[in-house]
Amino acid sequence: MYKAEKFDKDGNRTGTMPLPEVLFVDEPNFFVMHQYVRAYLANQRQGNVSTKTRSEVRGGGKKPWVQKGTGRARAGTINSPLWRHGGVAFGPKPRDYRMKLPKKVKRLAFKSALTQRAKESAIKILEDITLDEPSTKTIKRILSNMAIPDGEYILFLTAESDANLYKSIRNIKKVHIKPTGELNTYDIIRYTTIIATEGSIKKLEERLSR
């Protein structure tokens, strides 16, 4: 069973907390994690880039000059890729980059990423906090008290969307906030430290127990 450091609302360490076993696998599967990241990034692509081939460029119906006698290289059309403003040879065309993964593979990748972060002691548990109004200063103080090393990419995980917390965190460099329902494997891999509220861990347990 994995354990995580637990902190109070002010960011002071209060001990450790056991994490639900349903969140993890015996050993992280890096191949499946890699598959997920490839599919995730591919699915972010719009795939609408388009260039014109020589047949799509306007004009070029007339031969620029006669075939022989001018001393110039022979040319049949100004639409050739050899010419400025001509068509593009083998240029990109709109295409669908989407990749599909089975649900079991997605779940294994998700649990593998969580397992790896737990092994690295990169998951921190914070008591549920609520702010009456946005306060970046409060969040910075909590992070400072938690003594997280500089340069860490931090994911702040909450049980539900919280407008005040979101506004408090969005201006802090390298810190991102997400509700549990939007968490994916790429997020877990991308951020080196995960600060999860107690409520978010319960939500995560419910999600993976289905």
Protein backbone atom coordinates (compact mmCIF):
# COMPACT_ATOMS: atom_id res chain seq x y z
CA MET A 1 0.00 0.00 0.00
CA TYR A 2 1.27 3.43 -0.93
CA LYS A 3 1.23 6.33 1.48
CA ALA A 4 1.34 10.06 0.83
CA GLU A 5 2.39 13.01 2.95
CA LYS A 6 -0.59 14.84 4.42
CA PHE A 7 -0.79 18.60 4.98
CA ASP A 8 -3.29 20.85 6.73
CA LYS A 9 -5.03 23.85 5.14
CA ASP A 10 -1.99 26.04 5.78
CA GLY A 11 0.42 23.61 4.13
CA ASN A 12 1.95 22.28 7.35
CA ARG A 13 2.81 18.57 7.39
CA THR A 14 0.58 16.56 9.73
CA GLY A 15 1.68 13.02 8.92
CA THR A 16 0.98 10.45 6.23
CA MET A 17 -2.19 9.03 4.72
CA PRO A 18 -2.67 5.60 3.08
CA LEU A 19 -3.86 5.81 -0.51
CA PRO A 20 -6.64 3.53 -1.81
CA GLU A 21 -5.24 0.41 -3.48
CA VAL A 22 -7.76 0.69 -6.32
CA LEU A 23 -5.75 3.65 -7.68
CA PHE A 24 -2.67 1.56 -8.43
CA VAL A 25 -1.25 -1.47 -10.23
CA ASP A 26 1.58 -3.76 -9.11
CA GLU A 27 4.08 -2.29 -11.57
CA PRO A 28 3.67 0.69 -13.93
CA ASN A 29 3.42 -0.27 -17.60
CA PHE A 30 5.56 2.31 -19.41
CA PHE A 31 4.75 0.96 -22.87
CA VAL A 32 1.02 1.51 -22.33
CA MET A 33 1.71 4.98 -20.87
CA HIS A 34 3.69 5.81 -24.01
CA GLN A 35 0.84 4.57 -26.19
CA TYR A 36 -1.60 6.81 -24.32
CA VAL A 37 0.59 9.92 -24.64
CA ARG A 38 1.01 9.33 -28.39
CA ALA A 39 -2.74 8.96 -28.85
CA TYR A 40 -3.53 11.95 -26.61
CA LEU A 41 -1.17 14.31 -28.45
CA ALA A 42 -2.32 13.04 -31.85
CA ASN A 43 -5.93 13.70 -30.88
CA GLN A 44 -5.09 17.34 -30.06
CA ARG A 45 -4.10 18.01 -33.67
CA GLN A 46 -6.58 19.86 -35.87
CA GLY A 47 -5.29 18.29 -39.06
CA ASN A 48 -6.66 21.11 -41.24
CA VAL A 49 -3.39 22.38 -42.75
CA SER A 50 -3.57 22.44 -46.55
CA THR A 51 -1.24 23.39 -49.40
CA LYS A 52 -2.01 23.69 -53.12
CA THR A 53 -0.55 21.25 -55.62
CA ARG A 54 0.46 22.32 -59.12
CA SER A 55 -3.03 21.43 -60.37
CA GLU A 56 -4.72 23.67 -57.79
CA VAL A 57 -2.64 26.84 -58.26
CA ARG A 58 -4.41 29.51 -60.32
CA GLY A 59 -3.10 30.19 -63.83
CA GLY A 60 -0.29 28.39 -65.63
CA GLY A 61 -2.27 27.32 -68.67
CA LYS A 62 0.14 28.88 -71.13
CA LYS A 63 3.67 27.69 -71.79
CA PRO A 64 5.99 30.50 -70.48
CA TRP A 65 8.21 30.44 -73.57
CA VAL A 66 8.89 28.27 -76.57
CA GLN A 67 10.56 24.94 -76.02
CA LYS A 68 13.74 25.65 -78.01
CA GLY A 69 15.89 28.53 -79.11
CA THR A 70 15.76 30.87 -76.10
CA GLY A 71 18.73 29.44 -74.25
CA ARG A 72 16.62 29.07 -71.13
CA ALA A 73 15.71 25.84 -69.42
CA ARG A 74 12.56 24.34 -70.86
CA ALA A 75 9.35 25.06 -68.94
CA GLY A 76 5.79 23.91 -69.50
CA THR A 77 3.90 25.83 -66.79
CA ILE A 78 4.49 28.46 -64.12
CA ASN A 79 2.60 26.21 -61.69
CA SER A 80 5.55 23.84 -61.38
CA PRO A 81 6.95 23.38 -57.84
CA LEU A 82 10.26 24.63 -59.27
CA TRP A 83 8.77 28.09 -59.73
CA ARG A 84 8.11 30.80 -57.18
CA HIS A 85 4.38 30.84 -56.39
CA GLY A 86 4.08 27.43 -57.99
CA GLY A 87 2.40 24.43 -56.43
CA VAL A 88 3.86 22.52 -53.49
CA ALA A 89 5.25 19.04 -54.09
CA PHE A 90 4.12 16.50 -51.48
CA GLY A 91 2.78 19.25 -49.20
CA PRO A 92 0.44 18.56 -46.27
CA LYS A 93 -3.27 18.04 -46.86
CA PRO A 94 -6.16 17.85 -44.36
CA ARG A 95 -6.16 14.51 -42.56
CA ASP A 96 -7.50 12.89 -39.42
CA TYR A 97 -4.78 12.13 -36.87
CA ARG A 98 -7.09 10.60 -34.27
CA MET A 99 -6.03 7.38 -32.57
CA LYS A 100 -8.35 5.15 -30.56
CA LEU A 101 -7.36 3.15 -27.51
CA PRO A 102 -9.42 0.46 -25.74
CA LYS A 103 -10.88 1.45 -22.36
CA LYS A 104 -8.79 -1.19 -20.59
CA VAL A 105 -5.60 0.27 -22.05
CA LYS A 106 -6.61 3.80 -20.99
CA ARG A 107 -7.36 2.62 -17.45
CA LEU A 108 -4.07 0.69 -17.23
CA ALA A 109 -2.14 3.76 -18.43
CA PHE A 110 -3.95 5.94 -15.87
CA LYS A 111 -3.22 3.60 -12.97
CA SER A 112 0.36 3.07 -14.15
CA ALA A 113 1.00 6.82 -14.13
CA LEU A 114 -0.48 7.14 -10.63
CA THR A 115 1.64 4.21 -9.45
CA GLN A 116 4.82 5.80 -10.78
CA ARG A 117 4.03 9.11 -9.07
CA ALA A 118 3.25 7.29 -5.80
CA LYS A 119 6.58 5.44 -6.02
CA GLU A 120 8.33 8.79 -6.39
CA SER A 121 6.42 10.19 -3.37
CA ALA A 122 5.14 12.88 -5.73
CA ILE A 123 1.53 12.73 -4.50
CA LYS A 124 0.74 15.10 -1.62
CA ILE A 125 -2.58 15.21 0.25
CA LEU A 126 -4.00 18.56 1.32
CA GLU A 127 -7.01 19.08 3.56
CA ASP A 128 -10.04 20.34 1.65
CA ILE A 129 -9.80 24.12 1.39
CA THR A 130 -12.30 26.77 0.36
CA LEU A 131 -11.58 30.43 -0.29
CA ASP A 132 -14.15 33.18 0.23
CA GLU A 133 -12.45 35.15 -2.52
CA PRO A 134 -9.54 34.60 -4.92
CA SER A 135 -6.17 34.91 -3.17
CA THR A 136 -2.97 34.00 -4.97
CA LYS A 137 -1.04 35.05 -1.87
CA THR A 138 -2.78 32.35 0.20
CA ILE A 139 -1.97 29.61 -2.30
CA LYS A 140 1.66 30.75 -2.57
CA ARG A 141 1.96 30.60 1.22
CA ILE A 142 0.57 27.05 1.27
CA LEU A 143 3.00 25.93 -1.44
CA SER A 144 5.88 27.58 0.41
CA ASN A 145 4.95 25.81 3.67
CA MET A 146 4.80 22.48 1.84
CA ALA A 147 8.45 23.02 0.84
CA ILE A 148 8.01 21.83 -2.73
CA PRO A 149 11.31 22.31 -4.64
CA ASP A 150 11.54 25.19 -7.11
CA GLY A 151 11.05 24.29 -10.74
CA GLU A 152 8.49 21.56 -10.06
CA TYR A 153 5.45 21.40 -12.33
CA ILE A 154 2.54 21.16 -9.91
CA LEU A 155 -0.97 19.85 -10.54
CA PHE A 156 -3.53 20.97 -7.98
CA LEU A 157 -6.31 18.39 -7.92
CA THR A 158 -9.75 19.25 -6.51
CA ALA A 159 -12.95 17.24 -6.07
CA GLU A 160 -15.05 19.74 -8.03
CA SER A 161 -14.48 22.91 -10.05
CA ASP A 162 -13.82 25.87 -7.74
CA ALA A 163 -13.83 29.34 -9.30
CA ASN A 164 -12.00 31.03 -6.40
CA LEU A 165 -9.27 28.38 -6.28
CA TYR A 166 -8.91 28.51 -10.06
CA LYS A 167 -8.49 32.30 -10.05
CA SER A 168 -6.01 32.05 -7.17
CA ILE A 169 -3.81 29.53 -8.96
CA ARG A 170 -3.95 30.54 -12.62
CA ASN A 171 -1.31 33.30 -12.27
CA ILE A 172 1.25 31.08 -10.53
CA LYS A 173 3.91 29.85 -12.91
CA LYS A 174 4.14 26.07 -13.40
CA VAL A 175 1.03 25.42 -11.28
CA HIS A 176 -2.18 24.13 -12.84
CA ILE A 177 -5.54 23.22 -11.30
CA LYS A 178 -8.04 20.58 -12.41
CA PRO A 179 -11.08 18.83 -10.97
CA THR A 180 -10.79 15.05 -10.63
CA GLY A 181 -13.35 14.46 -13.37
CA GLU A 182 -11.04 16.06 -15.97
CA LEU A 183 -7.83 14.33 -14.87
CA ASN A 184 -6.13 12.17 -17.50
CA THR A 185 -2.94 10.15 -17.83
CA TYR A 186 -1.12 12.91 -19.71
CA ASP A 187 -1.67 15.31 -16.80
CA ILE A 188 -0.22 12.84 -14.31
CA ILE A 189 2.86 12.32 -16.49
CA ARG A 190 3.32 15.99 -17.35
CA TYR A 191 3.23 17.36 -13.80
CA THR A 192 6.00 16.22 -11.48
CA THR A 193 4.07 16.88 -8.24
CA ILE A 194 0.38 16.26 -7.60
CA ILE A 195 -1.29 18.09 -4.72
CA ALA A 196 -4.64 16.39 -4.20
CA THR A 197 -7.32 17.45 -1.75
CA GLU A 198 -8.85 14.73 0.42
CA GLY A 199 -12.12 15.09 -1.46
CA SER A 200 -10.39 14.57 -4.81
CA ILE A 201 -8.88 11.28 -3.62
CA LYS A 202 -12.35 10.03 -2.67
CA LYS A 203 -13.67 11.07 -6.08
CA LEU A 204 -10.75 9.33 -7.76
CA GLU A 205 -11.45 6.17 -5.77
CA GLU A 206 -15.11 6.26 -6.85
CA ARG A 207 -14.09 6.76 -10.48
CA LEU A 208 -11.71 3.79 -10.53
CA SER A 209 -14.01 1.49 -8.55
CA ARG A 210 -16.64 1.40 -11.29
